[in-house]
Amino acid sequence: MSDHGSESHIVHVARGLEGVVAAATHIAEVDGERGRLTLRGYDIGELAGRITFEEVAYLLLYGKLPNQTEYDGLLAEMRQARELPEATLKALRELAPHAEGMDILRMGAAMLSVGDPTLNDLDVAGSRRRAIRLLAQMPALVAHSWRLKNGLDIVHPKPEHGVAASFLYMLEGVEPHEGRVHGLDSYLVAISEHGLNASTFAGRVVISTDSDMVSALTAAVGALKGPKHGGVPGPVLRMLEEIGTPDRAEPWIRNALANGKRIMGFGHRIYRVRDPRASLLSKAADRMAELTGDSHLLELTKAVEETTVRVLAEVKPGRDLYANVELYAALILHAVNIPEALFTPCFGIGRTAGWTAHMVEQLEDNRLIRPNSIYAGPRGLRWKPIESRV
């Protein structure tokens, strides 16, 4: 917090808007003190392993879990929307070889407005339909861009696939194993929504101007690109590879802390206890290890978590630094065999559910998001001719 102004009128500046309540939402509650994440009234632990990503997307958009008829309708709607517009595919073929994951995702997201004559209609029902279409198209953007970047042909989606299976199929061109599909689906559910984080706020700001949902989605993707918000699973994986074995965890961690390095996958702006999503993904990682018969990385990750929490409590007492979602997200994505360059774009696929739900909620009772600022620069300066300026 910074103070500006005269003694009679002091303004407190909340840097990073920390502590500022900018929205009243029905979508999610993030309880950092107790380590709880609630989606539309459901604790995330109540949903994990029981519902698909499509169901959680419906829950976020409509405020309730779908019945069978509603679920079937959602799947049918997503199947029809999964193919990208031809103009978008043409642009991807030109751009993908020259751009990296999040850059091409940002450009591709902006092109999802192609062929939408109702783009600027902001009624809630139409916005929900558009959100479902965007949810269906984001996996194709990521998968197609990756294949084109690597000199491979596009693999078109199959109508019978759900989001997770469709993404893996479009990425690899072969039918994915059910266990990998379940692992990726668990990941997408866990990261689908997390309150008013930076990318979600960016999306709500844009939609609050009565702009369109594609523009708001593009802004959210741009915010996610920043490593202070997205992009951590890759460095987590590299950290685990560098540590190598459980017996090396403690000396590595102590050395890193002694040299002022951040331990990737630990600490969170909100949580003062273990991130509940880390708990969910660690259980999903257990299931993946049973499926593959390879538990080396899982055992290493658990050893790193236990050691890091213990050493941090000793070296940084009172800091409340525990595992966040990224620690086990790296493990899941690696087990599912997602290329590291696609870790953050995959996060974008899942978080599109939360982003679009917040956009719809903003439109339901919209007011332009326009915070104030306090001027902190000089005053009373006088103009000088250019030849006399120092």
Protein backbone atom coordinates (compact mmCIF):
# COMPACT_ATOMS: atom_id res chain seq x y z
CA MET A 1 0.00 0.00 0.00
CA SER A 2 1.29 3.50 -0.84
CA ASP A 3 0.06 6.85 0.45
CA HIS A 4 -0.28 9.90 -1.79
CA GLY A 5 -1.74 13.35 -1.24
CA SER A 6 -1.67 16.10 1.35
CA GLU A 7 -1.93 15.44 5.08
CA SER A 8 -5.61 16.41 4.95
CA HIS A 9 -6.39 14.09 2.05
CA ILE A 10 -4.37 10.87 2.04
CA VAL A 11 -5.23 8.32 -0.64
CA HIS A 12 -4.24 4.69 -0.10
CA VAL A 13 -3.11 3.00 -3.33
CA ALA A 14 -3.67 -0.75 -3.40
CA ARG A 15 -0.76 -1.92 -5.54
CA GLY A 16 -1.89 -4.74 -7.78
CA LEU A 17 -5.44 -4.00 -6.51
CA GLU A 18 -4.64 -6.24 -3.55
CA GLY A 19 -7.49 -6.29 -1.07
CA VAL A 20 -9.86 -4.46 -3.44
CA VAL A 21 -13.23 -6.13 -4.03
CA ALA A 22 -14.06 -5.51 -7.71
CA ALA A 23 -17.00 -7.88 -8.24
CA ALA A 24 -19.72 -9.82 -6.44
CA THR A 25 -19.76 -13.19 -8.17
CA HIS A 26 -21.87 -16.34 -7.98
CA ILE A 27 -19.29 -18.39 -9.89
CA ALA A 28 -16.49 -19.27 -7.47
CA GLU A 29 -15.28 -18.70 -3.93
CA VAL A 30 -11.56 -18.96 -3.21
CA ASP A 31 -10.92 -19.32 0.52
CA GLY A 32 -7.20 -18.84 0.99
CA GLU A 33 -7.18 -19.27 4.75
CA ARG A 34 -8.89 -22.66 4.76
CA GLY A 35 -7.64 -23.83 1.38
CA ARG A 36 -11.04 -24.28 -0.22
CA LEU A 37 -12.27 -23.70 -3.75
CA THR A 38 -16.04 -23.66 -4.30
CA LEU A 39 -17.64 -23.64 -7.77
CA ARG A 40 -21.27 -22.53 -7.80
CA GLY A 41 -21.72 -23.90 -4.28
CA TYR A 42 -19.89 -27.18 -4.84
CA ASP A 43 -16.57 -27.80 -3.13
CA ILE A 44 -14.08 -28.75 -5.85
CA GLY A 45 -13.33 -31.95 -3.94
CA GLU A 46 -17.01 -32.92 -4.26
CA LEU A 47 -16.78 -32.66 -8.05
CA ALA A 48 -13.29 -33.97 -8.79
CA GLY A 49 -13.28 -37.44 -10.31
CA ARG A 50 -17.06 -37.42 -10.63
CA ILE A 51 -17.79 -35.00 -13.45
CA THR A 52 -16.31 -34.25 -16.86
CA PHE A 53 -14.86 -30.97 -18.01
CA GLU A 54 -17.98 -30.40 -20.12
CA GLU A 55 -20.13 -30.74 -16.99
CA VAL A 56 -18.05 -28.25 -15.03
CA ALA A 57 -18.24 -25.83 -17.97
CA TYR A 58 -22.03 -26.14 -17.95
CA LEU A 59 -22.07 -25.60 -14.19
CA LEU A 60 -20.00 -22.43 -14.49
CA LEU A 61 -22.06 -21.02 -17.36
CA TYR A 62 -25.57 -21.97 -16.18
CA GLY A 63 -25.20 -22.19 -12.40
CA LYS A 64 -26.22 -25.84 -12.09
CA LEU A 65 -25.02 -29.28 -13.10
CA PRO A 66 -26.74 -30.49 -16.27
CA ASN A 67 -29.27 -33.28 -16.33
CA GLN A 68 -28.83 -35.94 -19.03
CA THR A 69 -30.86 -34.06 -21.64
CA GLU A 70 -28.96 -30.83 -21.00
CA TYR A 71 -25.64 -32.67 -21.04
CA ASP A 72 -26.43 -34.38 -24.33
CA GLY A 73 -27.46 -31.01 -25.78
CA LEU A 74 -24.20 -29.43 -24.62
CA LEU A 75 -22.12 -32.21 -26.21
CA ALA A 76 -24.06 -31.91 -29.47
CA GLU A 77 -23.56 -28.15 -29.52
CA MET A 78 -19.82 -28.52 -28.92
CA ARG A 79 -19.49 -31.22 -31.61
CA GLN A 80 -21.00 -28.88 -34.19
CA ALA A 81 -18.66 -26.04 -33.19
CA ARG A 82 -15.36 -27.92 -32.97
CA GLU A 83 -14.16 -27.30 -36.54
CA LEU A 84 -12.38 -23.96 -36.99
CA PRO A 85 -13.53 -21.57 -39.73
CA GLU A 86 -11.64 -22.11 -42.97
CA ALA A 87 -10.32 -18.55 -42.91
CA THR A 88 -8.89 -19.19 -39.42
CA LEU A 89 -7.25 -22.42 -40.60
CA LYS A 90 -5.73 -20.59 -43.57
CA ALA A 91 -4.29 -17.93 -41.26
CA LEU A 92 -2.94 -20.58 -38.87
CA ARG A 93 -1.14 -22.30 -41.72
CA GLU A 94 0.63 -19.03 -42.47
CA LEU A 95 1.36 -17.97 -38.89
CA ALA A 96 1.98 -21.14 -36.88
CA PRO A 97 5.44 -21.93 -38.30
CA HIS A 98 6.65 -18.51 -37.17
CA ALA A 99 5.18 -18.22 -33.65
CA GLU A 100 5.43 -19.91 -30.25
CA GLY A 101 2.63 -21.48 -28.20
CA MET A 102 1.04 -18.58 -26.36
CA ASP A 103 1.72 -16.09 -29.17
CA ILE A 104 -0.08 -18.21 -31.73
CA LEU A 105 -2.87 -18.93 -29.23
CA ARG A 106 -3.37 -15.20 -28.74
CA MET A 107 -3.48 -14.61 -32.49
CA GLY A 108 -5.69 -17.63 -33.04
CA ALA A 109 -8.11 -16.63 -30.29
CA ALA A 110 -8.59 -13.25 -31.98
CA MET A 111 -9.50 -15.06 -35.23
CA LEU A 112 -12.35 -17.01 -33.65
CA SER A 113 -14.65 -14.11 -34.48
CA VAL A 114 -14.41 -15.02 -38.18
CA GLY A 115 -17.81 -15.81 -39.66
CA ASP A 116 -19.83 -14.83 -36.58
CA PRO A 117 -22.52 -12.36 -37.75
CA THR A 118 -23.87 -12.02 -34.20
CA LEU A 119 -20.49 -11.26 -32.62
CA ASN A 120 -21.60 -7.94 -31.16
CA ASP A 121 -24.93 -9.18 -29.81
CA LEU A 122 -24.42 -9.25 -26.05
CA ASP A 123 -27.64 -10.88 -24.85
CA VAL A 124 -26.97 -13.49 -22.19
CA ALA A 125 -28.42 -16.50 -24.06
CA GLY A 126 -26.40 -15.71 -27.18
CA SER A 127 -23.28 -15.12 -25.09
CA ARG A 128 -23.64 -18.55 -23.48
CA ARG A 129 -23.90 -20.14 -26.91
CA ARG A 130 -20.81 -18.26 -28.02
CA ALA A 131 -18.98 -19.38 -24.88
CA ILE A 132 -19.75 -23.02 -25.70
CA ARG A 133 -18.45 -22.54 -29.23
CA LEU A 134 -15.22 -21.00 -27.93
CA LEU A 135 -14.81 -23.87 -25.45
CA ALA A 136 -15.08 -26.30 -28.35
CA GLN A 137 -12.65 -24.40 -30.60
CA MET A 138 -9.80 -23.62 -28.21
CA PRO A 139 -8.45 -27.22 -28.21
CA ALA A 140 -8.36 -27.18 -32.01
CA LEU A 141 -6.42 -23.91 -31.98
CA VAL A 142 -3.73 -25.37 -29.72
CA ALA A 143 -3.51 -28.76 -31.43
CA HIS A 144 -3.56 -27.47 -35.01
CA SER A 145 -0.98 -24.78 -34.27
CA TRP A 146 1.37 -27.33 -32.70
CA ARG A 147 1.15 -29.70 -35.65
CA LEU A 148 1.63 -26.92 -38.19
CA LYS A 149 4.58 -25.58 -36.21
CA ASN A 150 6.16 -29.03 -36.45
CA GLY A 151 5.50 -29.54 -40.14
CA LEU A 152 2.56 -31.93 -39.69
CA ASP A 153 -0.86 -31.93 -41.29
CA ILE A 154 -3.92 -30.86 -39.34
CA VAL A 155 -5.97 -33.69 -37.82
CA HIS A 156 -9.66 -32.83 -37.90
CA PRO A 157 -11.78 -33.65 -34.84
CA LYS A 158 -14.11 -36.62 -34.50
CA PRO A 159 -17.69 -35.94 -33.40
CA GLU A 160 -17.75 -38.68 -30.74
CA HIS A 161 -14.89 -37.22 -28.71
CA GLY A 162 -15.17 -35.03 -25.63
CA VAL A 163 -12.86 -32.05 -25.10
CA ALA A 164 -9.95 -34.00 -23.58
CA ALA A 165 -10.09 -36.89 -26.05
CA SER A 166 -10.55 -34.53 -28.97
CA PHE A 167 -7.53 -32.47 -28.02
CA LEU A 168 -5.27 -35.50 -27.70
CA TYR A 169 -6.57 -36.95 -30.96
CA MET A 170 -6.08 -33.70 -32.88
CA LEU A 171 -2.63 -33.30 -31.34
CA GLU A 172 -1.34 -36.80 -32.12
CA GLY A 173 -3.54 -38.21 -34.85
CA VAL A 174 -4.26 -41.49 -33.01
CA GLU A 175 -6.98 -42.60 -30.63
CA PRO A 176 -5.83 -41.68 -27.10
CA HIS A 177 -5.79 -44.20 -24.27
CA GLU A 178 -8.74 -43.83 -21.89
CA GLY A 179 -6.42 -43.34 -18.92
CA ARG A 180 -4.69 -40.39 -20.58
CA VAL A 181 -8.05 -38.88 -21.47
CA HIS A 182 -9.17 -39.20 -17.84
CA GLY A 183 -5.93 -37.65 -16.59
CA LEU A 184 -6.23 -34.64 -18.89
CA ASP A 185 -9.93 -34.26 -18.09
CA SER A 186 -9.09 -34.21 -14.35
CA TYR A 187 -6.57 -31.46 -15.01
CA LEU A 188 -9.07 -29.38 -17.02
CA VAL A 189 -11.68 -29.67 -14.26
CA ALA A 190 -9.18 -28.63 -11.57
CA ILE A 191 -8.04 -25.48 -13.38
CA SER A 192 -11.35 -24.50 -14.99
CA GLU A 193 -12.05 -21.56 -12.68
CA HIS A 194 -10.33 -19.70 -9.86
CA GLY A 195 -12.05 -16.44 -9.06
CA LEU A 196 -10.94 -12.98 -10.13
CA ASN A 197 -7.38 -13.80 -11.17
CA ALA A 198 -5.45 -11.58 -13.59
CA SER A 199 -6.66 -13.15 -16.84
CA THR A 200 -10.28 -13.41 -15.68
CA PHE A 201 -10.20 -9.77 -14.57
CA ALA A 202 -8.75 -8.77 -17.94
CA GLY A 203 -11.62 -10.53 -19.69
CA ARG A 204 -14.23 -8.89 -17.46
CA VAL A 205 -12.70 -5.45 -18.03
CA VAL A 206 -12.91 -5.85 -21.81
CA ILE A 207 -16.45 -7.25 -21.85
CA SER A 208 -17.55 -4.46 -19.47
CA THR A 209 -16.93 -1.97 -22.30
CA ASP A 210 -19.62 -3.79 -24.34
CA SER A 211 -16.91 -5.20 -26.53
CA ASP A 212 -17.35 -8.76 -27.82
CA MET A 213 -16.52 -12.07 -26.14
CA VAL A 214 -13.75 -12.93 -28.60
CA SER A 215 -11.95 -9.68 -27.81
CA ALA A 216 -12.33 -10.40 -24.10
CA LEU A 217 -11.03 -13.95 -24.58
CA THR A 218 -8.01 -12.60 -26.47
CA ALA A 219 -7.27 -10.20 -23.60
CA ALA A 220 -7.48 -13.07 -21.11
CA VAL A 221 -5.05 -15.16 -23.19
CA GLY A 222 -2.68 -12.20 -23.30
CA ALA A 223 -2.74 -11.92 -19.51
CA LEU A 224 -2.17 -15.67 -19.12
CA LYS A 225 1.00 -15.47 -21.21
CA GLY A 226 2.78 -13.54 -18.46
CA PRO A 227 4.93 -15.83 -16.29
CA LYS A 228 3.64 -14.19 -13.10
CA HIS A 229 0.24 -15.72 -13.93
CA GLY A 230 0.79 -18.66 -16.29
CA GLY A 231 3.74 -20.64 -17.54
CA VAL A 232 4.92 -22.28 -14.29
CA PRO A 233 4.39 -26.03 -15.00
CA GLY A 234 7.30 -26.05 -17.47
CA PRO A 235 9.82 -24.65 -14.97
CA VAL A 236 8.43 -27.05 -12.32
CA LEU A 237 9.17 -29.99 -14.59
CA ARG A 238 12.68 -28.73 -15.29
CA MET A 239 13.26 -28.29 -11.54
CA LEU A 240 12.18 -31.88 -10.88
CA GLU A 241 14.43 -33.16 -13.66
CA GLU A 242 17.35 -31.21 -12.20
CA ILE A 243 16.77 -32.62 -8.71
CA GLY A 244 16.55 -36.10 -10.18
CA THR A 245 16.06 -38.32 -7.12
CA PRO A 246 14.32 -37.91 -3.73
CA ASP A 247 17.63 -38.03 -1.79
CA ARG A 248 18.84 -34.94 -3.67
CA ALA A 249 15.76 -32.86 -2.84
CA GLU A 250 16.94 -31.34 0.45
CA PRO A 251 20.44 -30.22 -0.61
CA TRP A 252 19.03 -28.84 -3.89
CA ILE A 253 16.28 -26.89 -2.12
CA ARG A 254 18.59 -25.51 0.56
CA ASN A 255 21.09 -24.42 -2.08
CA ALA A 256 18.36 -22.76 -4.14
CA LEU A 257 17.03 -20.84 -1.14
CA ALA A 258 20.55 -19.82 -0.08
CA ASN A 259 21.03 -18.33 -3.56
CA GLY A 260 17.70 -16.48 -3.53
CA LYS A 261 16.01 -18.71 -6.07
CA ARG A 262 12.28 -19.33 -6.10
CA ILE A 263 11.12 -22.92 -5.58
CA MET A 264 8.72 -23.48 -8.46
CA GLY A 265 5.27 -24.83 -7.60
CA PHE A 266 5.15 -23.32 -4.10
CA GLY A 267 3.42 -20.25 -2.71
CA HIS A 268 0.26 -18.50 -3.85
CA ARG A 269 -1.11 -14.97 -3.72
CA ILE A 270 -4.30 -16.22 -2.06
CA TYR A 271 -3.68 -19.54 -0.30
CA ARG A 272 -2.06 -19.71 3.14
CA VAL A 273 -2.36 -23.50 3.18
CA ARG A 274 -1.96 -26.18 0.51
CA ASP A 275 -3.75 -25.31 -2.72
CA PRO A 276 -6.84 -27.58 -2.88
CA ARG A 277 -6.22 -28.11 -6.60
CA ALA A 278 -2.80 -29.55 -5.78
CA SER A 279 -4.57 -32.13 -3.61
CA LEU A 280 -6.92 -33.05 -6.45
CA LEU A 281 -4.16 -33.33 -9.03
CA SER A 282 -1.92 -35.35 -6.72
CA LYS A 283 -4.74 -37.92 -6.50
CA ALA A 284 -5.10 -37.86 -10.28
CA ALA A 285 -1.33 -38.36 -10.52
CA ASP A 286 -1.65 -41.42 -8.25
CA ARG A 287 -4.17 -42.88 -10.70
CA MET A 288 -1.92 -42.09 -13.67
CA ALA A 289 1.04 -43.79 -11.97
CA GLU A 290 -1.05 -46.91 -11.36
CA LEU A 291 -2.10 -46.89 -15.00
CA THR A 292 1.38 -46.44 -16.47
CA GLY A 293 3.29 -48.39 -13.83
CA ASP A 294 5.78 -45.51 -13.68
CA SER A 295 5.80 -43.83 -10.27
CA HIS A 296 9.33 -42.36 -10.32
CA LEU A 297 8.32 -38.77 -11.04
CA LEU A 298 5.35 -38.97 -8.66
CA GLU A 299 7.55 -40.20 -5.80
CA LEU A 300 10.08 -37.48 -6.58
CA THR A 301 7.38 -34.80 -6.61
CA LYS A 302 5.99 -35.93 -3.25
CA ALA A 303 9.50 -35.96 -1.77
CA VAL A 304 10.15 -32.46 -3.12
CA GLU A 305 6.86 -31.22 -1.66
CA GLU A 306 7.47 -32.70 1.80
CA THR A 307 11.07 -31.46 1.90
CA THR A 308 10.28 -27.99 0.56
CA VAL A 309 7.48 -27.38 3.07
CA ARG A 310 9.73 -28.50 5.93
CA VAL A 311 12.75 -26.44 4.81
CA LEU A 312 10.68 -23.36 4.02
CA ALA A 313 9.12 -23.50 7.51
CA GLU A 314 12.65 -23.48 8.90
CA VAL A 315 14.21 -20.88 6.60
CA LYS A 316 11.19 -18.60 6.12
CA PRO A 317 9.07 -19.05 9.27
CA GLY A 318 5.62 -17.51 9.13
CA ARG A 319 5.57 -17.20 5.31
CA ASP A 320 2.95 -19.97 4.81
CA LEU A 321 4.42 -21.35 1.60
CA TYR A 322 2.83 -24.60 0.43
CA ALA A 323 2.36 -26.50 -2.83
CA ASN A 324 0.23 -24.74 -5.43
CA VAL A 325 -1.64 -26.19 -8.38
CA GLU A 326 1.37 -25.97 -10.70
CA LEU A 327 3.44 -28.57 -8.85
CA TYR A 328 1.12 -31.46 -9.69
CA ALA A 329 -0.14 -29.89 -12.92
CA ALA A 330 3.36 -30.40 -14.30
CA LEU A 331 3.21 -34.03 -13.26
CA ILE A 332 -0.18 -34.66 -14.87
CA LEU A 333 0.65 -32.92 -18.15
CA HIS A 334 3.94 -34.79 -18.37
CA ALA A 335 2.21 -38.12 -17.66
CA VAL A 336 -0.39 -37.39 -20.33
CA ASN A 337 2.54 -36.70 -22.69
CA ILE A 338 1.70 -33.08 -23.45
CA PRO A 339 4.72 -31.22 -24.91
CA GLU A 340 6.13 -28.72 -22.41
CA ALA A 341 5.62 -25.85 -24.86
CA LEU A 342 1.87 -26.52 -24.65
CA PHE A 343 1.55 -26.50 -20.85
CA THR A 344 0.31 -22.91 -20.66
CA PRO A 345 -1.89 -23.17 -23.79
CA CYS A 346 -3.49 -26.27 -22.20
CA PHE A 347 -4.21 -24.19 -19.12
CA GLY A 348 -5.95 -21.73 -21.45
CA ILE A 349 -8.15 -24.51 -22.82
CA GLY A 350 -9.41 -25.34 -19.33
CA ARG A 351 -9.65 -21.78 -18.04
CA THR A 352 -11.80 -20.74 -21.02
CA ALA A 353 -14.68 -22.22 -19.02
CA GLY A 354 -14.12 -19.79 -16.15
CA TRP A 355 -13.24 -16.86 -18.39
CA THR A 356 -16.43 -17.09 -20.44
CA ALA A 357 -18.61 -17.69 -17.37
CA HIS A 358 -17.30 -14.47 -15.86
CA MET A 359 -17.93 -12.61 -19.12
CA VAL A 360 -21.55 -13.78 -19.12
CA GLU A 361 -21.94 -12.81 -15.47
CA GLN A 362 -20.49 -9.36 -16.19
CA LEU A 363 -23.01 -8.86 -19.00
CA GLU A 364 -25.93 -9.86 -16.77
CA ASP A 365 -25.51 -6.70 -14.69
CA ASN A 366 -22.90 -4.71 -16.54
CA ARG A 367 -21.16 -1.58 -15.37
CA LEU A 368 -18.00 -0.31 -17.03
CA ILE A 369 -14.96 -1.29 -14.95
CA ARG A 370 -13.11 1.97 -14.54
CA PRO A 371 -11.00 2.34 -11.35
CA ASN A 372 -9.48 5.65 -10.33
CA SER A 373 -5.80 6.50 -10.12
CA ILE A 374 -3.94 9.09 -8.09
CA TYR A 375 -1.54 11.40 -9.89
CA ALA A 376 1.94 11.17 -8.34
CA GLY A 377 4.00 13.18 -10.83
CA PRO A 378 5.35 16.74 -10.83
CA ARG A 379 3.22 19.90 -11.10
CA GLY A 380 3.80 23.51 -12.10
CA LEU A 381 6.27 22.88 -14.90
CA ARG A 382 6.65 25.63 -17.52
CA TRP A 383 7.10 25.28 -21.24
CA LYS A 384 10.47 26.12 -22.80
CA PRO A 385 11.45 26.43 -26.48
CA ILE A 386 13.10 23.27 -27.78
CA GLU A 387 16.51 24.91 -28.19
CA SER A 388 16.64 25.81 -24.51
CA ARG A 389 15.63 22.40 -23.13
CA VAL A 390 18.35 20.49 -21.35
